[in-house]
Each structure stands twice: as C-alpha cells, then as structure tokens.
PDB file of all heavy atoms in Angstrom:
ATOM      1  N   ASP A   1     -96.421  -0.023   8.584  1.00  0.00           N
ATOM      2  CA  ASP A   1     -95.848   1.169   9.200  1.00  0.00           C
ATOM      3  C   ASP A   1     -95.098   0.738  10.456  1.00  0.00           C
ATOM      4  O   ASP A   1     -95.505  -0.213  11.126  1.00  0.00           O
ATOM      5  CB  ASP A   1     -96.950   2.169   9.574  1.00  0.00           C
ATOM      6  CG  ASP A   1     -97.298   3.103   8.430  1.00  0.00           C
ATOM      7  OD1 ASP A   1     -96.402   3.404   7.609  1.00  0.00           O
ATOM      8  OD2 ASP A   1     -98.462   3.535   8.360  1.00  0.00           O
ATOM      9  N   PRO A   2     -94.026   1.419  10.788  1.00  0.00           N
ATOM     10  CA  PRO A   2     -93.258   1.031  11.971  1.00  0.00           C
ATOM     11  C   PRO A   2     -93.950   1.456  13.261  1.00  0.00           C
ATOM     12  O   PRO A   2     -94.871   2.272  13.255  1.00  0.00           O
ATOM     13  CB  PRO A   2     -91.948   1.801  11.801  1.00  0.00           C
ATOM     14  CG  PRO A   2     -92.333   3.005  11.007  1.00  0.00           C
ATOM     15  CD  PRO A   2     -93.434   2.548  10.088  1.00  0.00           C
ATOM     16  N   VAL A   3     -93.471   0.880  14.342  1.00  0.00           N
ATOM     17  CA  VAL A   3     -93.913   1.306  15.664  1.00  0.00           C
ATOM     18  C   VAL A   3     -93.485   2.755  15.835  1.00  0.00           C
ATOM     19  O   VAL A   3     -92.403   3.154  15.365  1.00  0.00           O
ATOM     20  CB  VAL A   3     -93.274   0.415  16.754  1.00  0.00           C
ATOM     21  CG1 VAL A   3     -93.627   0.889  18.146  1.00  0.00           C
ATOM     22  CG2 VAL A   3     -93.664  -1.033  16.546  1.00  0.00           C
ATOM     23  N   ARG A   4     -94.306   3.552  16.479  1.00  0.00           N
ATOM     24  CA  ARG A   4     -94.013   4.978  16.665  1.00  0.00           C
ATOM     25  C   ARG A   4     -92.578   5.196  17.142  1.00  0.00           C
ATOM     26  O   ARG A   4     -92.110   4.538  18.061  1.00  0.00           O
ATOM     27  CB  ARG A   4     -94.974   5.583  17.669  1.00  0.00           C
ATOM     28  CG  ARG A   4     -94.830   7.088  17.824  1.00  0.00           C
ATOM     29  CD  ARG A   4     -95.841   7.620  18.789  1.00  0.00           C
ATOM     30  NE  ARG A   4     -97.169   7.304  18.292  1.00  0.00           N
ATOM     31  CZ  ARG A   4     -98.109   8.213  18.056  1.00  0.00           C
ATOM     32  NH1 ARG A   4     -97.884   9.463  18.314  1.00  0.00           N
ATOM     33  NH2 ARG A   4     -99.278   7.850  17.595  1.00  0.00           N
ATOM     34  N   GLY A   5     -91.899   6.107  16.465  1.00  0.00           N
ATOM     35  CA  GLY A   5     -90.538   6.458  16.848  1.00  0.00           C
ATOM     36  C   GLY A   5     -89.462   5.605  16.184  1.00  0.00           C
ATOM     37  O   GLY A   5     -88.288   5.909  16.289  1.00  0.00           O
ATOM     38  N   GLN A   6     -89.869   4.525  15.511  1.00  0.00           N
ATOM     39  CA  GLN A   6     -88.915   3.661  14.831  1.00  0.00           C
ATOM     40  C   GLN A   6     -88.813   4.080  13.357  1.00  0.00           C
ATOM     41  O   GLN A   6     -89.761   4.595  12.786  1.00  0.00           O
ATOM     42  CB  GLN A   6     -89.369   2.199  14.912  1.00  0.00           C
ATOM     43  CG  GLN A   6     -89.448   1.667  16.320  1.00  0.00           C
ATOM     44  CD  GLN A   6     -88.084   1.650  17.000  1.00  0.00           C
ATOM     45  OE1 GLN A   6     -87.110   1.203  16.432  1.00  0.00           O
ATOM     46  NE2 GLN A   6     -88.032   2.159  18.218  1.00  0.00           N
ATOM     47  N   PRO A   7     -87.666   3.831  12.727  1.00  0.00           N
ATOM     48  CA  PRO A   7     -87.532   4.175  11.308  1.00  0.00           C
ATOM     49  C   PRO A   7     -88.331   3.206  10.437  1.00  0.00           C
ATOM     50  O   PRO A   7     -88.630   2.085  10.849  1.00  0.00           O
ATOM     51  CB  PRO A   7     -86.034   4.019  11.049  1.00  0.00           C
ATOM     52  CG  PRO A   7     -85.572   3.034  12.074  1.00  0.00           C
ATOM     53  CD  PRO A   7     -86.442   3.269  13.283  1.00  0.00           C
ATOM     54  N   HIS A   8     -88.686   3.642   9.257  1.00  0.00           N
ATOM     55  CA  HIS A   8     -89.357   2.790   8.278  1.00  0.00           C
ATOM     56  C   HIS A   8     -88.307   2.286   7.304  1.00  0.00           C
ATOM     57  O   HIS A   8     -87.356   3.002   6.973  1.00  0.00           O
ATOM     58  CB  HIS A   8     -90.447   3.577   7.539  1.00  0.00           C
ATOM     59  CG  HIS A   8     -91.356   2.708   6.748  1.00  0.00           C
ATOM     60  ND1 HIS A   8     -91.048   2.272   5.484  1.00  0.00           N
ATOM     61  CD2 HIS A   8     -92.570   2.186   7.051  1.00  0.00           C
ATOM     62  CE1 HIS A   8     -92.034   1.515   5.031  1.00  0.00           C
ATOM     63  NE2 HIS A   8     -92.977   1.461   5.967  1.00  0.00           N
ATOM     64  N   VAL A   9     -88.465   1.063   6.829  1.00  0.00           N
ATOM     65  CA  VAL A   9     -87.490   0.477   5.917  1.00  0.00           C
ATOM     66  C   VAL A   9     -87.307   1.329   4.659  1.00  0.00           C
ATOM     67  O   VAL A   9     -86.203   1.438   4.128  1.00  0.00           O
ATOM     68  CB  VAL A   9     -87.859  -0.984   5.565  1.00  0.00           C
ATOM     69  CG1 VAL A   9     -89.153  -1.051   4.773  1.00  0.00           C
ATOM     70  CG2 VAL A   9     -86.728  -1.661   4.818  1.00  0.00           C
ATOM     71  N   LEU A  10     -88.365   1.980   4.169  1.00  0.00           N
ATOM     72  CA  LEU A  10     -88.220   2.826   2.981  1.00  0.00           C
ATOM     73  C   LEU A  10     -87.402   4.080   3.283  1.00  0.00           C
ATOM     74  O   LEU A  10     -86.678   4.575   2.415  1.00  0.00           O
ATOM     75  CB  LEU A  10     -89.589   3.184   2.408  1.00  0.00           C
ATOM     76  CG  LEU A  10     -90.426   2.001   1.895  1.00  0.00           C
ATOM     77  CD1 LEU A  10     -91.742   2.496   1.305  1.00  0.00           C
ATOM     78  CD2 LEU A  10     -89.660   1.153   0.889  1.00  0.00           C
ATOM     79  N   ASP A  11     -87.496   4.582   4.509  1.00  0.00           N
ATOM     80  CA  ASP A  11     -86.643   5.710   4.903  1.00  0.00           C
ATOM     81  C   ASP A  11     -85.183   5.281   4.925  1.00  0.00           C
ATOM     82  O   ASP A  11     -84.301   6.024   4.475  1.00  0.00           O
ATOM     83  CB  ASP A  11     -87.049   6.243   6.286  1.00  0.00           C
ATOM     84  CG  ASP A  11     -88.436   6.852   6.299  1.00  0.00           C
ATOM     85  OD1 ASP A  11     -88.901   7.323   5.238  1.00  0.00           O
ATOM     86  OD2 ASP A  11     -89.065   6.837   7.372  1.00  0.00           O
ATOM     87  N   ASP A  12     -84.924   4.079   5.440  1.00  0.00           N
ATOM     88  CA  ASP A  12     -83.550   3.568   5.456  1.00  0.00           C
ATOM     89  C   ASP A  12     -83.018   3.421   4.033  1.00  0.00           C
ATOM     90  O   ASP A  12     -81.870   3.766   3.746  1.00  0.00           O
ATOM     91  CB  ASP A  12     -83.482   2.220   6.171  1.00  0.00           C
ATOM     92  CG  ASP A  12     -83.646   2.341   7.676  1.00  0.00           C
ATOM     93  OD1 ASP A  12     -83.635   3.484   8.185  1.00  0.00           O
ATOM     94  OD2 ASP A  12     -83.782   1.305   8.337  1.00  0.00           O
ATOM     95  N   TRP A  13     -83.843   2.915   3.119  1.00  0.00           N
ATOM     96  CA  TRP A  13     -83.434   2.752   1.722  1.00  0.00           C
ATOM     97  C   TRP A  13     -83.144   4.123   1.122  1.00  0.00           C
ATOM     98  O   TRP A  13     -82.112   4.343   0.490  1.00  0.00           O
ATOM     99  CB  TRP A  13     -84.540   2.032   0.966  1.00  0.00           C
ATOM    100  CG  TRP A  13     -84.288   1.750  -0.492  1.00  0.00           C
ATOM    101  CD1 TRP A  13     -83.163   2.040  -1.219  1.00  0.00           C
ATOM    102  CD2 TRP A  13     -85.179   1.117  -1.394  1.00  0.00           C
ATOM    103  NE1 TRP A  13     -83.320   1.626  -2.518  1.00  0.00           N
ATOM    104  CE2 TRP A  13     -84.546   1.052  -2.648  1.00  0.00           C
ATOM    105  CE3 TRP A  13     -86.464   0.600  -1.264  1.00  0.00           C
ATOM    106  CZ2 TRP A  13     -85.162   0.491  -3.764  1.00  0.00           C
ATOM    107  CZ3 TRP A  13     -87.065   0.039  -2.378  1.00  0.00           C
ATOM    108  CH2 TRP A  13     -86.423  -0.025  -3.604  1.00  0.00           C
ATOM    109  N   HIS A  14     -84.052   5.071   1.335  1.00  0.00           N
ATOM    110  CA  HIS A  14     -83.882   6.426   0.796  1.00  0.00           C
ATOM    111  C   HIS A  14     -82.595   7.085   1.303  1.00  0.00           C
ATOM    112  O   HIS A  14     -81.887   7.746   0.552  1.00  0.00           O
ATOM    113  CB  HIS A  14     -85.099   7.279   1.159  1.00  0.00           C
ATOM    114  CG  HIS A  14     -84.971   8.696   0.739  1.00  0.00           C
ATOM    115  ND1 HIS A  14     -85.188   9.109  -0.556  1.00  0.00           N
ATOM    116  CD2 HIS A  14     -84.625   9.804   1.440  1.00  0.00           C
ATOM    117  CE1 HIS A  14     -84.972  10.415  -0.639  1.00  0.00           C
ATOM    118  NE2 HIS A  14     -84.641  10.864   0.558  1.00  0.00           N
ATOM    119  N   ASN A  15     -82.304   6.896   2.575  1.00  0.00           N
ATOM    120  CA  ASN A  15     -81.132   7.533   3.184  1.00  0.00           C
ATOM    121  C   ASN A  15     -79.845   6.717   3.033  1.00  0.00           C
ATOM    122  O   ASN A  15     -78.794   7.139   3.513  1.00  0.00           O
ATOM    123  CB  ASN A  15     -81.394   7.777   4.677  1.00  0.00           C
ATOM    124  CG  ASN A  15     -82.519   8.762   4.897  1.00  0.00           C
ATOM    125  OD1 ASN A  15     -82.658   9.733   4.161  1.00  0.00           O
ATOM    126  ND2 ASN A  15     -83.349   8.499   5.890  1.00  0.00           N
ATOM    127  N   GLY A  16     -79.937   5.548   2.383  1.00  0.00           N
ATOM    128  CA  GLY A  16     -78.757   4.719   2.198  1.00  0.00           C
ATOM    129  C   GLY A  16     -78.268   4.069   3.482  1.00  0.00           C
ATOM    130  O   GLY A  16     -77.121   3.650   3.572  1.00  0.00           O
ATOM    131  N   ARG A  17     -79.144   3.996   4.466  1.00  0.00           N
ATOM    132  CA  ARG A  17     -78.787   3.409   5.759  1.00  0.00           C
ATOM    133  C   ARG A  17     -78.849   1.885   5.659  1.00  0.00           C
ATOM    134  O   ARG A  17     -79.878   1.319   5.300  1.00  0.00           O
ATOM    135  CB  ARG A  17     -79.760   3.901   6.829  1.00  0.00           C
ATOM    136  CG  ARG A  17     -79.366   3.530   8.241  1.00  0.00           C
ATOM    137  CD  ARG A  17     -80.301   4.142   9.289  1.00  0.00           C
ATOM    138  NE  ARG A  17     -80.452   5.576   9.109  1.00  0.00           N
ATOM    139  CZ  ARG A  17     -81.624   6.177   8.860  1.00  0.00           C
ATOM    140  NH1 ARG A  17     -82.734   5.510   8.756  1.00  0.00           N
ATOM    141  NH2 ARG A  17     -81.672   7.484   8.714  1.00  0.00           N
ATOM    142  N   ASN A  18     -77.752   1.213   5.956  1.00  0.00           N
ATOM    143  CA  ASN A  18     -77.686  -0.241   5.875  1.00  0.00           C
ATOM    144  C   ASN A  18     -78.171  -0.844   7.188  1.00  0.00           C
ATOM    145  O   ASN A  18     -77.393  -1.330   7.991  1.00  0.00           O
ATOM    146  CB  ASN A  18     -76.259  -0.694   5.550  1.00  0.00           C
ATOM    147  CG  ASN A  18     -76.197  -2.152   5.178  1.00  0.00           C
ATOM    148  OD1 ASN A  18     -77.206  -2.761   4.876  1.00  0.00           O
ATOM    149  ND2 ASN A  18     -75.017  -2.710   5.208  1.00  0.00           N
ATOM    150  N   SER A  19     -79.478  -0.843   7.374  1.00  0.00           N
ATOM    151  CA  SER A  19     -80.081  -1.296   8.628  1.00  0.00           C
ATOM    152  C   SER A  19     -80.522  -2.756   8.526  1.00  0.00           C
ATOM    153  O   SER A  19     -80.568  -3.341   7.440  1.00  0.00           O
ATOM    154  CB  SER A  19     -81.299  -0.433   8.951  1.00  0.00           C
ATOM    155  OG  SER A  19     -82.312  -0.663   7.979  1.00  0.00           O
ATOM    156  N   GLU A  20     -80.868  -3.323   9.659  1.00  0.00           N
ATOM    157  CA  GLU A  20     -81.425  -4.678   9.675  1.00  0.00           C
ATOM    158  C   GLU A  20     -82.736  -4.719   8.893  1.00  0.00           C
ATOM    159  O   GLU A  20     -83.010  -5.683   8.174  1.00  0.00           O
ATOM    160  CB  GLU A  20     -81.638  -5.149  11.117  1.00  0.00           C
ATOM    161  CG  GLU A  20     -82.237  -6.538  11.231  1.00  0.00           C
ATOM    162  CD  GLU A  20     -81.361  -7.658  10.668  1.00  0.00           C
ATOM    163  OE1 GLU A  20     -80.143  -7.441  10.450  1.00  0.00           O
ATOM    164  OE2 GLU A  20     -81.885  -8.760  10.429  1.00  0.00           O
ATOM    165  N   LEU A  21     -83.553  -3.675   9.002  1.00  0.00           N
ATOM    166  CA  LEU A  21     -84.802  -3.615   8.247  1.00  0.00           C
ATOM    167  C   LEU A  21     -84.532  -3.712   6.750  1.00  0.00           C
ATOM    168  O   LEU A  21     -85.213  -4.436   6.023  1.00  0.00           O
ATOM    169  CB  LEU A  21     -85.534  -2.297   8.533  1.00  0.00           C
ATOM    170  CG  LEU A  21     -86.107  -2.093   9.921  1.00  0.00           C
ATOM    171  CD1 LEU A  21     -86.598  -0.660  10.081  1.00  0.00           C
ATOM    172  CD2 LEU A  21     -87.217  -3.083  10.181  1.00  0.00           C
ATOM    173  N   ARG A  22     -83.545  -2.979   6.282  1.00  0.00           N
ATOM    174  CA  ARG A  22     -83.221  -2.980   4.857  1.00  0.00           C
ATOM    175  C   ARG A  22     -82.659  -4.336   4.422  1.00  0.00           C
ATOM    176  O   ARG A  22     -82.961  -4.814   3.334  1.00  0.00           O
ATOM    177  CB  ARG A  22     -82.226  -1.855   4.563  1.00  0.00           C
ATOM    178  CG  ARG A  22     -82.068  -1.600   3.095  1.00  0.00           C
ATOM    179  CD  ARG A  22     -81.300  -0.335   2.859  1.00  0.00           C
ATOM    180  NE  ARG A  22     -80.969  -0.209   1.458  1.00  0.00           N
ATOM    181  CZ  ARG A  22     -80.052   0.584   0.991  1.00  0.00           C
ATOM    182  NH1 ARG A  22     -79.364   1.359   1.810  1.00  0.00           N
ATOM    183  NH2 ARG A  22     -79.806   0.643  -0.296  1.00  0.00           N
ATOM    184  N   ARG A  23     -81.855  -4.968   5.246  1.00  0.00           N
ATOM    185  CA  ARG A  23     -81.327  -6.295   4.914  1.00  0.00           C
ATOM    186  C   ARG A  23     -82.461  -7.320   4.813  1.00  0.00           C
ATOM    187  O   ARG A  23     -82.470  -8.170   3.925  1.00  0.00           O
ATOM    188  CB  ARG A  23     -80.288  -6.731   5.944  1.00  0.00           C
ATOM    189  CG  ARG A  23     -78.960  -6.006   5.788  1.00  0.00           C
ATOM    190  CD  ARG A  23     -77.890  -6.600   6.686  1.00  0.00           C
ATOM    191  NE  ARG A  23     -78.095  -6.304   8.093  1.00  0.00           N
ATOM    192  CZ  ARG A  23     -77.717  -5.172   8.688  1.00  0.00           C
ATOM    193  NH1 ARG A  23     -77.101  -4.235   8.001  1.00  0.00           N
ATOM    194  NH2 ARG A  23     -77.953  -4.985   9.966  1.00  0.00           N
ATOM    195  N   VAL A  24     -83.426  -7.240   5.716  1.00  0.00           N
ATOM    196  CA  VAL A  24     -84.568  -8.151   5.686  1.00  0.00           C
ATOM    197  C   VAL A  24     -85.399  -7.912   4.423  1.00  0.00           C
ATOM    198  O   VAL A  24     -85.831  -8.864   3.759  1.00  0.00           O
ATOM    199  CB  VAL A  24     -85.423  -8.010   6.962  1.00  0.00           C
ATOM    200  CG1 VAL A  24     -86.750  -8.725   6.829  1.00  0.00           C
ATOM    201  CG2 VAL A  24     -84.653  -8.543   8.167  1.00  0.00           C
ATOM    202  N   LEU A  25     -85.615  -6.659   4.041  1.00  0.00           N
ATOM    203  CA  LEU A  25     -86.327  -6.347   2.802  1.00  0.00           C
ATOM    204  C   LEU A  25     -85.591  -6.943   1.604  1.00  0.00           C
ATOM    205  O   LEU A  25     -86.199  -7.548   0.726  1.00  0.00           O
ATOM    206  CB  LEU A  25     -86.481  -4.834   2.627  1.00  0.00           C
ATOM    207  CG  LEU A  25     -87.099  -4.382   1.302  1.00  0.00           C
ATOM    208  CD1 LEU A  25     -88.511  -4.922   1.125  1.00  0.00           C
ATOM    209  CD2 LEU A  25     -87.084  -2.864   1.208  1.00  0.00           C
ATOM    210  N   TYR A  26     -84.279  -6.812   1.576  1.00  0.00           N
ATOM    211  CA  TYR A  26     -83.490  -7.361   0.478  1.00  0.00           C
ATOM    212  C   TYR A  26     -83.637  -8.882   0.396  1.00  0.00           C
ATOM    213  O   TYR A  26     -83.841  -9.434  -0.686  1.00  0.00           O
ATOM    214  CB  TYR A  26     -82.009  -6.995   0.620  1.00  0.00           C
ATOM    215  CG  TYR A  26     -81.162  -7.696  -0.409  1.00  0.00           C
ATOM    216  CD1 TYR A  26     -81.087  -7.203  -1.702  1.00  0.00           C
ATOM    217  CD2 TYR A  26     -80.488  -8.872  -0.101  1.00  0.00           C
ATOM    218  CE1 TYR A  26     -80.341  -7.864  -2.672  1.00  0.00           C
ATOM    219  CE2 TYR A  26     -79.745  -9.543  -1.056  1.00  0.00           C
ATOM    220  CZ  TYR A  26     -79.673  -9.035  -2.341  1.00  0.00           C
ATOM    221  OH  TYR A  26     -78.942  -9.698  -3.292  1.00  0.00           O
ATOM    222  N   VAL A  27     -83.539  -9.553   1.522  1.00  0.00           N
ATOM    223  CA  VAL A  27     -83.667 -11.018   1.532  1.00  0.00           C
ATOM    224  C   VAL A  27     -85.030 -11.420   0.967  1.00  0.00           C
ATOM    225  O   VAL A  27     -85.122 -12.294   0.102  1.00  0.00           O
ATOM    226  CB  VAL A  27     -83.465 -11.607   2.944  1.00  0.00           C
ATOM    227  CG1 VAL A  27     -83.870 -13.079   2.992  1.00  0.00           C
ATOM    228  CG2 VAL A  27     -82.020 -11.450   3.385  1.00  0.00           C
ATOM    229  N   GLY A  28     -86.085 -10.776   1.421  1.00  0.00           N
ATOM    230  CA  GLY A  28     -87.427 -11.109   0.930  1.00  0.00           C
ATOM    231  C   GLY A  28     -87.606 -10.805  -0.542  1.00  0.00           C
ATOM    232  O   GLY A  28     -88.095 -11.639  -1.308  1.00  0.00           O
ATOM    233  N   ALA A  29     -87.184  -9.623  -0.966  1.00  0.00           N
ATOM    234  CA  ALA A  29     -87.365  -9.214  -2.359  1.00  0.00           C
ATOM    235  C   ALA A  29     -86.530 -10.055  -3.315  1.00  0.00           C
ATOM    236  O   ALA A  29     -86.958 -10.348  -4.435  1.00  0.00           O
ATOM    237  CB  ALA A  29     -87.019  -7.736  -2.514  1.00  0.00           C
ATOM    238  N   SER A  30     -85.368 -10.462  -2.889  1.00  0.00           N
ATOM    239  CA  SER A  30     -84.475 -11.205  -3.780  1.00  0.00           C
ATOM    240  C   SER A  30     -84.863 -12.679  -3.917  1.00  0.00           C
ATOM    241  O   SER A  30     -84.240 -13.412  -4.677  1.00  0.00           O
ATOM    242  CB  SER A  30     -83.030 -11.085  -3.303  1.00  0.00           C
ATOM    243  OG  SER A  30     -82.865 -11.685  -2.038  1.00  0.00           O
ATOM    244  N   ARG A  31     -85.907 -13.118  -3.223  1.00  0.00           N
ATOM    245  CA  ARG A  31     -86.389 -14.499  -3.365  1.00  0.00           C
ATOM    246  C   ARG A  31     -87.277 -14.663  -4.585  1.00  0.00           C
ATOM    247  O   ARG A  31     -87.545 -15.768  -5.027  1.00  0.00           O
ATOM    248  CB  ARG A  31     -87.200 -14.951  -2.141  1.00  0.00           C
ATOM    249  CG  ARG A  31     -86.509 -14.870  -0.799  1.00  0.00           C
ATOM    250  CD  ARG A  31     -85.233 -15.638  -0.701  1.00  0.00           C
ATOM    251  NE  ARG A  31     -84.136 -14.720  -0.979  1.00  0.00           N
ATOM    252  CZ  ARG A  31     -82.883 -15.071  -1.266  1.00  0.00           C
ATOM    253  NH1 ARG A  31     -82.539 -16.318  -1.335  1.00  0.00           N
ATOM    254  NH2 ARG A  31     -81.955 -14.186  -1.505  1.00  0.00           N
ATOM    255  N   ALA A  32     -87.781 -13.560  -5.162  1.00  0.00           N
ATOM    256  CA  ALA A  32     -88.735 -13.611  -6.276  1.00  0.00           C
ATOM    257  C   ALA A  32     -88.009 -13.792  -7.609  1.00  0.00           C
ATOM    258  O   ALA A  32     -87.132 -13.017  -7.952  1.00  0.00           O
ATOM    259  CB  ALA A  32     -89.559 -12.330  -6.311  1.00  0.00           C
ATOM    260  N   ARG A  33     -88.408 -14.841  -8.363  1.00  0.00           N
ATOM    261  CA  ARG A  33     -87.838 -15.066  -9.692  1.00  0.00           C
ATOM    262  C   ARG A  33     -88.588 -14.285 -10.765  1.00  0.00           C
ATOM    263  O   ARG A  33     -87.979 -13.802 -11.711  1.00  0.00           O
ATOM    264  CB  ARG A  33     -87.881 -16.553 -10.050  1.00  0.00           C
ATOM    265  CG  ARG A  33     -86.860 -17.379  -9.315  1.00  0.00           C
ATOM    266  CD  ARG A  33     -86.820 -18.796  -9.858  1.00  0.00           C
ATOM    267  NE  ARG A  33     -88.000 -19.550  -9.476  1.00  0.00           N
ATOM    268  CZ  ARG A  33     -87.995 -20.601  -8.674  1.00  0.00           C
ATOM    269  NH1 ARG A  33     -86.860 -21.037  -8.166  1.00  0.00           N
ATOM    270  NH2 ARG A  33     -89.108 -21.222  -8.382  1.00  0.00           N
ATOM    271  N   LYS A  34     -89.933 -14.191 -10.654  1.00  0.00           N
ATOM    272  CA  LYS A  34     -90.729 -13.573 -11.714  1.00  0.00           C
ATOM    273  C   LYS A  34     -91.511 -12.355 -11.246  1.00  0.00           C
ATOM    274  O   LYS A  34     -91.564 -11.347 -11.931  1.00  0.00           O
ATOM    275  CB  LYS A  34     -91.706 -14.590 -12.307  1.00  0.00           C
ATOM    276  CG  LYS A  34     -91.018 -15.750 -13.002  1.00  0.00           C
ATOM    277  CD  LYS A  34     -92.037 -16.737 -13.530  1.00  0.00           C
ATOM    278  CE  LYS A  34     -91.340 -17.926 -14.180  1.00  0.00           C
ATOM    279  NZ  LYS A  34     -92.316 -18.916 -14.644  1.00  0.00           N
ATOM    280  N   VAL A  35     -92.165 -12.471 -10.090  1.00  0.00           N
ATOM    281  CA  VAL A  35     -93.062 -11.412  -9.627  1.00  0.00           C
ATOM    282  C   VAL A  35     -92.804 -11.126  -8.155  1.00  0.00           C
ATOM    283  O   VAL A  35     -92.728 -12.049  -7.348  1.00  0.00           O
ATOM    284  CB  VAL A  35     -94.546 -11.833  -9.806  1.00  0.00           C
ATOM    285  CG1 VAL A  35     -95.476 -10.779  -9.228  1.00  0.00           C
ATOM    286  CG2 VAL A  35     -94.866 -12.087 -11.258  1.00  0.00           C
ATOM    287  N   LEU A  36     -92.685  -9.845  -7.843  1.00  0.00           N
ATOM    288  CA  LEU A  36     -92.588  -9.396  -6.455  1.00  0.00           C
ATOM    289  C   LEU A  36     -93.730  -8.417  -6.221  1.00  0.00           C
ATOM    290  O   LEU A  36     -93.870  -7.436  -6.949  1.00  0.00           O
ATOM    291  CB  LEU A  36     -91.252  -8.704  -6.187  1.00  0.00           C
ATOM    292  CG  LEU A  36     -91.116  -8.007  -4.834  1.00  0.00           C
ATOM    293  CD1 LEU A  36     -91.183  -9.028  -3.701  1.00  0.00           C
ATOM    294  CD2 LEU A  36     -89.821  -7.211  -4.770  1.00  0.00           C
ATOM    295  N   ILE A  37     -94.542  -8.704  -5.233  1.00  0.00           N
ATOM    296  CA  ILE A  37     -95.647  -7.825  -4.869  1.00  0.00           C
ATOM    297  C   ILE A  37     -95.327  -7.236  -3.504  1.00  0.00           C
ATOM    298  O   ILE A  37     -95.114  -7.974  -2.537  1.00  0.00           O
ATOM    299  CB  ILE A  37     -96.993  -8.574  -4.820  1.00  0.00           C
ATOM    300  CG1 ILE A  37     -97.307  -9.147  -6.198  1.00  0.00           C
ATOM    301  CG2 ILE A  37     -98.109  -7.666  -4.305  1.00  0.00           C
ATOM    302  CD1 ILE A  37     -98.474 -10.110  -6.212  1.00  0.00           C
ATOM    303  N   LEU A  38     -95.264  -5.913  -3.434  1.00  0.00           N
ATOM    304  CA  LEU A  38     -95.040  -5.222  -2.168  1.00  0.00           C
ATOM    305  C   LEU A  38     -96.354  -4.603  -1.724  1.00  0.00           C
ATOM    306  O   LEU A  38     -96.943  -3.808  -2.449  1.00  0.00           O
ATOM    307  CB  LEU A  38     -93.977  -4.129  -2.327  1.00  0.00           C
ATOM    308  CG  LEU A  38     -92.577  -4.598  -2.695  1.00  0.00           C
ATOM    309  CD1 LEU A  38     -91.667  -3.409  -2.941  1.00  0.00           C
ATOM    310  CD2 LEU A  38     -92.003  -5.480  -1.610  1.00  0.00           C
TER     311      LEU A  38
END
C-alpha cells in the first residue's frame, strides 16, 4: 500500500496514468518468462 496521500500503482494503471510507479511495475512484470507472482 502507498504512503498516505500517495497514489497506488493499480490506481495509476486503472486511470491510464503513465506514472513512475506504473513504469516500475512494467519493468518488474516484464522480466518474467514463465511465471509472475504479484
């Protein structure tokens, strides 16, 4: 969960906001070849 008052990466994804949080999530998720566990 984010620090109080900060956006959550899933909110950014839902709203289509291209934030640093969302870019970091993409980098991490795109490293998985077979299995991604969130």
